[in-house]
Protein backbone atom coordinates (compact mmCIF):
# COMPACT_ATOMS: atom_id res chain seq x y z
CA MET A 1 0.00 0.00 0.00
CA ALA A 2 1.37 3.43 -0.96
CA ASN A 3 2.39 5.73 1.85
CA PRO A 4 0.09 8.82 1.68
CA LEU A 5 2.92 10.98 3.07
CA SER A 6 4.86 10.37 -0.14
CA ALA A 7 2.25 12.49 -1.95
CA LEU A 8 2.92 15.49 0.27
CA ASP A 9 5.36 17.01 -2.19
CA TRP A 10 6.62 20.32 -0.78
CA SER A 11 5.80 22.15 -4.01
CA ARG A 12 2.14 21.18 -3.55
CA VAL A 13 2.08 22.40 0.04
CA GLN A 14 3.83 25.59 -1.07
CA ALA A 15 1.16 26.10 -3.74
CA PHE A 16 -1.56 25.57 -1.11
CA LEU A 17 -0.04 28.23 1.19
CA ALA A 18 0.42 30.68 -1.68
CA VAL A 19 -3.30 30.46 -2.47
CA VAL A 20 -4.08 30.93 1.23
CA ASP A 21 -1.89 34.06 1.30
CA THR A 22 -3.13 35.63 -1.95
CA GLY A 23 -6.71 34.36 -2.15
CA SER A 24 -6.53 33.29 -5.80
CA LEU A 25 -4.72 30.97 -8.19
CA SER A 26 -3.51 33.88 -10.30
CA GLY A 27 -2.10 35.73 -7.30
CA ALA A 28 -0.43 32.58 -6.01
CA ALA A 29 1.10 31.90 -9.43
CA ARG A 30 2.58 35.41 -9.51
CA GLN A 31 3.94 35.00 -5.99
CA LEU A 32 5.68 31.73 -6.85
CA GLY A 33 6.73 32.72 -10.35
CA THR A 34 4.85 29.91 -12.09
CA SER A 35 1.82 29.59 -14.38
CA GLN A 36 -1.74 29.49 -13.13
CA PRO A 37 -2.50 26.09 -14.75
CA THR A 38 0.62 24.55 -13.15
CA LEU A 39 -0.29 25.91 -9.75
CA GLY A 40 -3.89 24.74 -10.15
CA ARG A 41 -2.66 21.22 -10.89
CA GLN A 42 -0.47 21.26 -7.78
CA VAL A 43 -3.39 22.24 -5.56
CA LYS A 44 -5.62 19.61 -7.18
CA ALA A 45 -2.92 16.95 -6.69
CA LEU A 46 -2.68 17.85 -3.00
CA GLU A 47 -6.46 17.62 -2.62
CA GLU A 48 -6.42 14.18 -4.25
CA ALA A 49 -3.54 13.02 -2.05
CA LEU A 50 -5.37 14.15 1.08
CA SER A 51 -8.80 13.05 -0.19
CA THR A 52 -10.32 16.35 0.83
CA ARG A 53 -11.35 19.64 -0.74
CA LEU A 54 -9.17 22.55 0.38
CA PHE A 55 -10.83 25.56 -1.31
CA LYS A 56 -14.23 26.70 -2.46
CA ARG A 57 -15.14 29.40 -4.96
CA ALA A 58 -16.06 32.83 -3.57
CA ALA A 59 -17.02 36.18 -5.07
CA LYS A 60 -13.49 37.54 -4.75
CA GLY A 61 -11.49 34.38 -5.43
CA LEU A 62 -11.00 31.26 -3.34
CA GLU A 63 -11.85 30.62 0.29
CA LEU A 64 -10.65 27.84 2.54
CA THR A 65 -12.99 25.00 3.33
CA GLU A 66 -13.21 23.87 6.94
CA ALA A 67 -10.76 21.07 6.17
CA GLY A 68 -8.42 23.47 4.37
CA ALA A 69 -8.43 25.90 7.30
CA ALA A 70 -7.47 23.06 9.65
CA LEU A 71 -4.43 22.28 7.50
CA VAL A 72 -2.98 25.80 7.39
CA GLU A 73 -1.13 25.56 10.71
CA PRO A 74 0.60 22.23 9.97
CA ALA A 75 1.41 23.48 6.46
CA ARG A 76 3.03 26.58 7.99
CA ALA A 77 5.07 24.32 10.26
CA MET A 78 6.19 22.32 7.21
CA GLN A 79 7.10 25.58 5.43
CA GLU A 80 9.14 26.77 8.38
CA ALA A 81 10.94 23.44 8.66
CA ALA A 82 11.78 23.51 4.93
CA MET A 83 13.08 27.06 5.20
CA ARG A 84 15.21 26.18 8.22
CA MET A 85 16.73 23.30 6.27
CA GLN A 86 17.65 25.74 3.50
CA LEU A 87 19.08 28.25 5.99
CA THR A 88 21.16 25.60 7.72
CA ALA A 89 22.47 24.35 4.39
CA ALA A 90 23.19 27.93 3.28
CA GLY A 91 25.26 28.51 6.40
CA ARG A 92 27.61 25.73 5.27
CA GLU A 93 28.34 27.30 1.88
CA GLU A 94 31.98 28.26 1.42
CA GLU A 95 32.03 29.75 -2.07
CA LEU A 96 32.55 33.49 -2.49
CA ALA A 97 31.04 33.44 -5.98
CA GLY A 98 27.27 33.48 -6.29
CA THR A 99 24.21 35.67 -5.77
CA VAL A 100 23.36 37.92 -2.83
CA ARG A 101 19.84 39.39 -2.64
CA ILE A 102 19.43 42.73 -0.85
CA THR A 103 16.07 44.24 0.05
CA ALA A 104 15.73 47.88 1.07
CA PRO A 105 13.11 50.64 1.16
CA VAL A 106 12.41 52.23 -2.21
CA ALA A 107 14.04 55.55 -1.28
CA VAL A 108 17.21 53.87 0.02
CA SER A 109 17.34 51.65 -3.07
CA ARG A 110 16.90 54.65 -5.36
CA TRP A 111 19.27 57.18 -3.80
CA LEU A 112 21.77 55.49 -1.49
CA LEU A 113 22.49 51.97 -2.71
CA PRO A 114 23.33 52.30 -6.46
CA PRO A 115 26.88 53.73 -5.97
CA VAL A 116 27.51 51.22 -3.17
CA VAL A 117 26.41 48.35 -5.42
CA ALA A 118 28.57 49.67 -8.27
CA ARG A 119 31.68 49.82 -6.06
CA LEU A 120 31.02 46.33 -4.75
CA ARG A 121 30.60 44.94 -8.25
CA ARG A 122 33.98 46.41 -9.22
CA ALA A 123 35.64 45.05 -6.09
CA ALA A 124 34.01 41.59 -6.17
CA PRO A 125 32.78 40.84 -9.72
CA GLU A 126 32.29 37.17 -8.81
CA ILE A 127 29.32 38.20 -6.63
CA GLN A 128 26.03 38.82 -8.45
CA LEU A 129 23.74 41.27 -6.69
CA GLU A 130 19.95 41.41 -6.71
CA LEU A 131 18.37 44.59 -5.34
CA VAL A 132 14.73 44.43 -4.25
CA PRO A 133 13.20 47.90 -3.58
CA ASN A 134 10.37 47.17 -1.19
CA ASP A 135 8.80 49.28 1.57
CA ALA A 136 7.23 46.12 2.97
CA SER A 137 9.28 43.72 5.09
CA ASP A 138 10.57 40.72 3.16
CA ASN A 139 10.89 37.65 5.37
CA LEU A 140 14.56 36.83 5.88
CA LEU A 141 13.67 33.49 7.47
CA PHE A 142 12.05 32.42 4.19
CA ARG A 143 15.06 33.55 2.10
CA GLU A 144 13.06 36.27 0.36
CA ALA A 145 16.32 38.19 0.75
CA ASP A 146 19.77 37.54 2.19
CA ILE A 147 20.34 41.02 3.63
CA ALA A 148 17.75 43.65 4.54
CA VAL A 149 18.11 47.38 5.10
CA ARG A 150 15.44 48.38 7.61
CA MET A 151 14.32 51.76 8.91
CA TYR A 152 13.43 50.20 12.27
CA GLN A 153 15.12 47.78 14.67
CA PRO A 154 14.53 44.19 13.56
CA THR A 155 13.15 41.99 16.33
CA GLN A 156 12.68 38.67 14.54
CA LEU A 157 14.41 35.73 16.22
CA ASP A 158 17.59 34.29 14.68
CA LEU A 159 18.47 37.57 12.97
CA VAL A 160 21.77 39.41 13.24
CA ALA A 161 21.12 43.15 13.25
CA ARG A 162 23.41 46.17 13.26
CA ARG A 163 22.45 49.81 13.56
CA LEU A 164 24.21 51.90 10.93
CA GLY A 165 23.06 55.31 12.12
CA ASP A 166 20.18 57.71 11.52
CA LEU A 167 19.03 59.02 8.16
CA ARG A 168 18.45 62.74 8.63
CA MET A 169 15.13 63.90 7.23
CA GLY A 170 13.77 67.30 6.27
CA LEU A 171 10.70 69.07 4.97
CA TYR A 172 11.13 70.33 1.39
CA ALA A 173 9.25 72.22 -1.27
CA ALA A 174 9.87 73.21 -4.88
CA GLU A 175 10.85 76.81 -5.57
CA SER A 176 7.95 76.92 -8.02
CA TYR A 177 5.51 76.11 -5.20
CA LEU A 178 7.04 78.63 -2.76
CA ALA A 179 7.09 81.52 -5.23
CA GLY A 180 4.96 84.33 -3.82
CA ARG A 181 4.18 82.46 -0.60
CA GLU A 182 5.24 83.44 2.90
CA LEU A 183 6.51 80.53 4.95
CA PRO A 184 5.32 80.36 8.57
CA SER A 185 7.96 79.39 11.14
CA ASP A 186 5.62 77.20 13.20
CA LEU A 187 5.38 73.51 12.22
CA ALA A 188 1.64 73.35 12.88
CA GLU A 189 1.09 76.31 10.54
CA LEU A 190 3.35 74.75 7.91
CA MET A 191 1.14 71.68 8.03
CA GLN A 192 -1.77 73.83 6.88
CA MET A 193 -0.05 74.38 3.52
CA ASP A 194 -0.40 71.97 0.60
CA LEU A 195 1.15 68.67 1.63
CA VAL A 196 2.28 65.61 -0.27
CA GLY A 197 1.51 62.49 1.75
CA ASN A 198 0.89 58.79 1.53
CA ASP A 199 -2.14 56.91 0.34
CA ARG A 200 -2.40 53.71 2.41
CA GLU A 201 0.90 53.91 4.26
CA GLU A 202 0.51 55.79 7.59
CA ARG A 203 4.15 56.47 8.52
CA ILE A 204 3.90 60.24 7.98
CA ILE A 205 0.56 60.41 9.78
CA ARG A 206 2.00 58.60 12.80
CA GLY A 207 5.05 60.86 12.80
CA LEU A 208 2.94 64.00 12.77
CA ARG A 209 0.73 62.68 15.55
CA ASP A 210 3.85 62.04 17.64
CA PHE A 211 4.44 65.81 17.48
CA GLY A 212 0.87 66.56 18.49
CA ILE A 213 -0.34 67.42 14.99
CA ALA A 214 -3.66 65.76 14.23
CA SER A 215 -3.75 64.38 10.70
CA ASP A 216 -5.22 61.69 8.49
CA ARG A 217 -4.90 60.86 4.80
CA HIS A 218 -7.21 63.76 3.92
CA SER A 219 -4.61 66.16 5.32
CA PHE A 220 -2.65 65.60 2.09
CA GLY A 221 -3.81 67.16 -1.13
CA THR A 222 -1.63 64.73 -3.10
CA ARG A 223 -1.17 61.12 -2.00
CA VAL A 224 1.07 58.30 -3.20
CA ASP A 225 2.86 55.40 -1.51
CA ASP A 226 5.75 54.92 -3.97
CA GLN A 227 8.63 56.96 -2.53
CA SER A 228 10.29 57.74 -5.87
CA VAL A 229 7.02 59.13 -7.21
CA TYR A 230 6.44 60.90 -3.88
CA TRP A 231 9.68 62.84 -4.26
CA ALA A 232 8.94 63.58 -7.93
CA LEU A 233 5.63 65.15 -6.87
CA VAL A 234 7.40 67.36 -4.33
CA CYS A 235 9.93 68.45 -6.97
CA ALA A 236 7.10 69.20 -9.40
CA GLY A 237 5.52 71.69 -6.96
CA CYS A 238 2.60 69.75 -5.50
CA GLY A 239 3.39 71.01 -2.01
CA LEU A 240 5.59 70.39 1.00
CA GLY A 241 6.98 66.90 1.45
CA PHE A 242 9.41 64.93 3.56
CA GLY A 243 12.65 63.51 2.23
CA PRO A 244 16.21 62.53 3.19
CA CYS A 245 18.47 65.55 3.59
CA ILE A 246 21.16 63.82 1.55
CA VAL A 247 18.71 63.93 -1.36
CA GLY A 248 16.80 67.17 -0.77
CA ASP A 249 19.84 69.34 -0.09
CA VAL A 250 21.30 68.65 -3.55
CA GLU A 251 18.06 68.56 -5.56
CA PRO A 252 17.95 71.47 -8.07
CA GLY A 253 14.92 73.72 -7.67
CA VAL A 254 14.04 72.39 -4.21
CA VAL A 255 14.32 74.34 -0.94
CA ALA A 256 14.67 72.99 2.59
CA VAL A 257 11.83 74.34 4.73
CA LEU A 258 12.97 72.40 7.81
CA ARG A 259 15.97 70.16 8.41
CA GLY A 260 16.21 67.80 11.34
CA PRO A 261 14.10 68.27 14.50
CA PRO A 262 11.20 68.50 14.83
CA VAL A 263 11.28 66.36 11.67
CA PRO A 264 12.47 63.01 13.09
CA SER A 265 15.44 61.12 11.68
CA LEU A 266 14.95 57.50 10.63
CA PRO A 267 17.14 54.80 12.19
CA MET A 268 18.83 52.54 9.64
CA TRP A 269 19.55 48.92 10.46
CA LEU A 270 21.14 46.06 8.58
CA ALA A 271 19.74 42.56 9.17
CA ALA A 272 20.43 39.01 8.03
CA HIS A 273 19.68 35.54 9.29
CA GLU A 274 22.56 34.35 11.47
CA GLU A 275 23.15 31.26 9.29
CA VAL A 276 23.07 33.19 6.02
CA ARG A 277 25.32 35.89 7.48
CA ARG A 278 28.13 33.30 7.69
CA VAL A 279 28.11 32.62 3.93
CA PRO A 280 31.33 34.22 2.57
CA ARG A 281 29.66 36.19 -0.22
CA VAL A 282 26.92 37.46 2.11
CA ALA A 283 29.55 38.43 4.68
CA ARG A 284 31.45 40.31 1.95
CA VAL A 285 28.35 42.28 0.96
CA TRP A 286 27.41 42.89 4.62
CA ASP A 287 30.86 44.34 5.33
CA ALA A 288 30.65 46.57 2.25
CA LEU A 289 27.27 47.95 3.33
CA THR A 290 28.37 48.57 6.92
CA GLU A 291 31.35 50.51 5.59
CA ALA A 292 29.66 52.50 2.84
CA LEU A 293 26.26 53.47 4.30
CA PRO A 294 27.13 55.14 7.66
CA PRO A 295 29.01 58.08 6.04
CA LEU A 296 25.80 58.89 4.12
CA LEU A 297 23.79 59.19 7.33
CA ASP A 298 23.67 61.84 10.06
CA PRO A 299 27.18 61.86 11.62
CA ALA A 300 25.75 63.25 14.87
CA ALA A 301 23.34 60.35 15.34
CA PRO A 302 24.23 57.52 17.75
CA ARG A 303 25.38 54.17 16.42
CA ALA A 304 25.49 50.78 18.05
């Protein structure tokens, strides 16, 4: 008699979890980088192996059946075990040549990392670099990236983290927007001018509230979550907007309205899984980042 566990191919379980996470076959296929028909066959094969239906059709995609919902937790445990196997194996790699995947916020990826990556490529051409601009947090435990640049202190277990310093921020506006306007000196009054803010992201809103300035998304006449587009809107004259001083202070046609406090700086951290951090090529890239990024940050800010 065939062992039913032999049918629990990891790719099928991975397909099942991708549909759980995205709510549809198409979304799961995009997440895993495969075709929708292939992913559909993997889910069907898992259902046949388990002799149970895992999903049912819903208005907005697929929903878990009762049996499917009961299997999510053990499937997550299987996923974590598979990822830990990969991480442990990765920690035994000894080759310098290979690929290192770096994830960082969009603004950091756009303005700070390109010259660092270029220098590293010249110094270590045997290392191939993948840069993932992402304001969300890629999961280092699942090898979505090898090294992450974070604007907050990582707290996930099994991660090695190092604070690089603080990225000094300021409030900026285009000269075209300021022409003929009188700038108030009070931050609360400045916030009554046209502002460029975020759409769904609430980082700016939370920062303003920390300074006692009540705000919500409707406080911003122009809203966007992509940081490159955000800065382009500020430069185009849509209103006042926040940006790194290292960028705003050299941008043609843009004026600093406020630099530093009360505009808070953003802490910059580097993080990697402790096993992956030991891989020679990852260690080489880590060392390059810890050397190159701090000089770009606020020299007066504390480091640890």
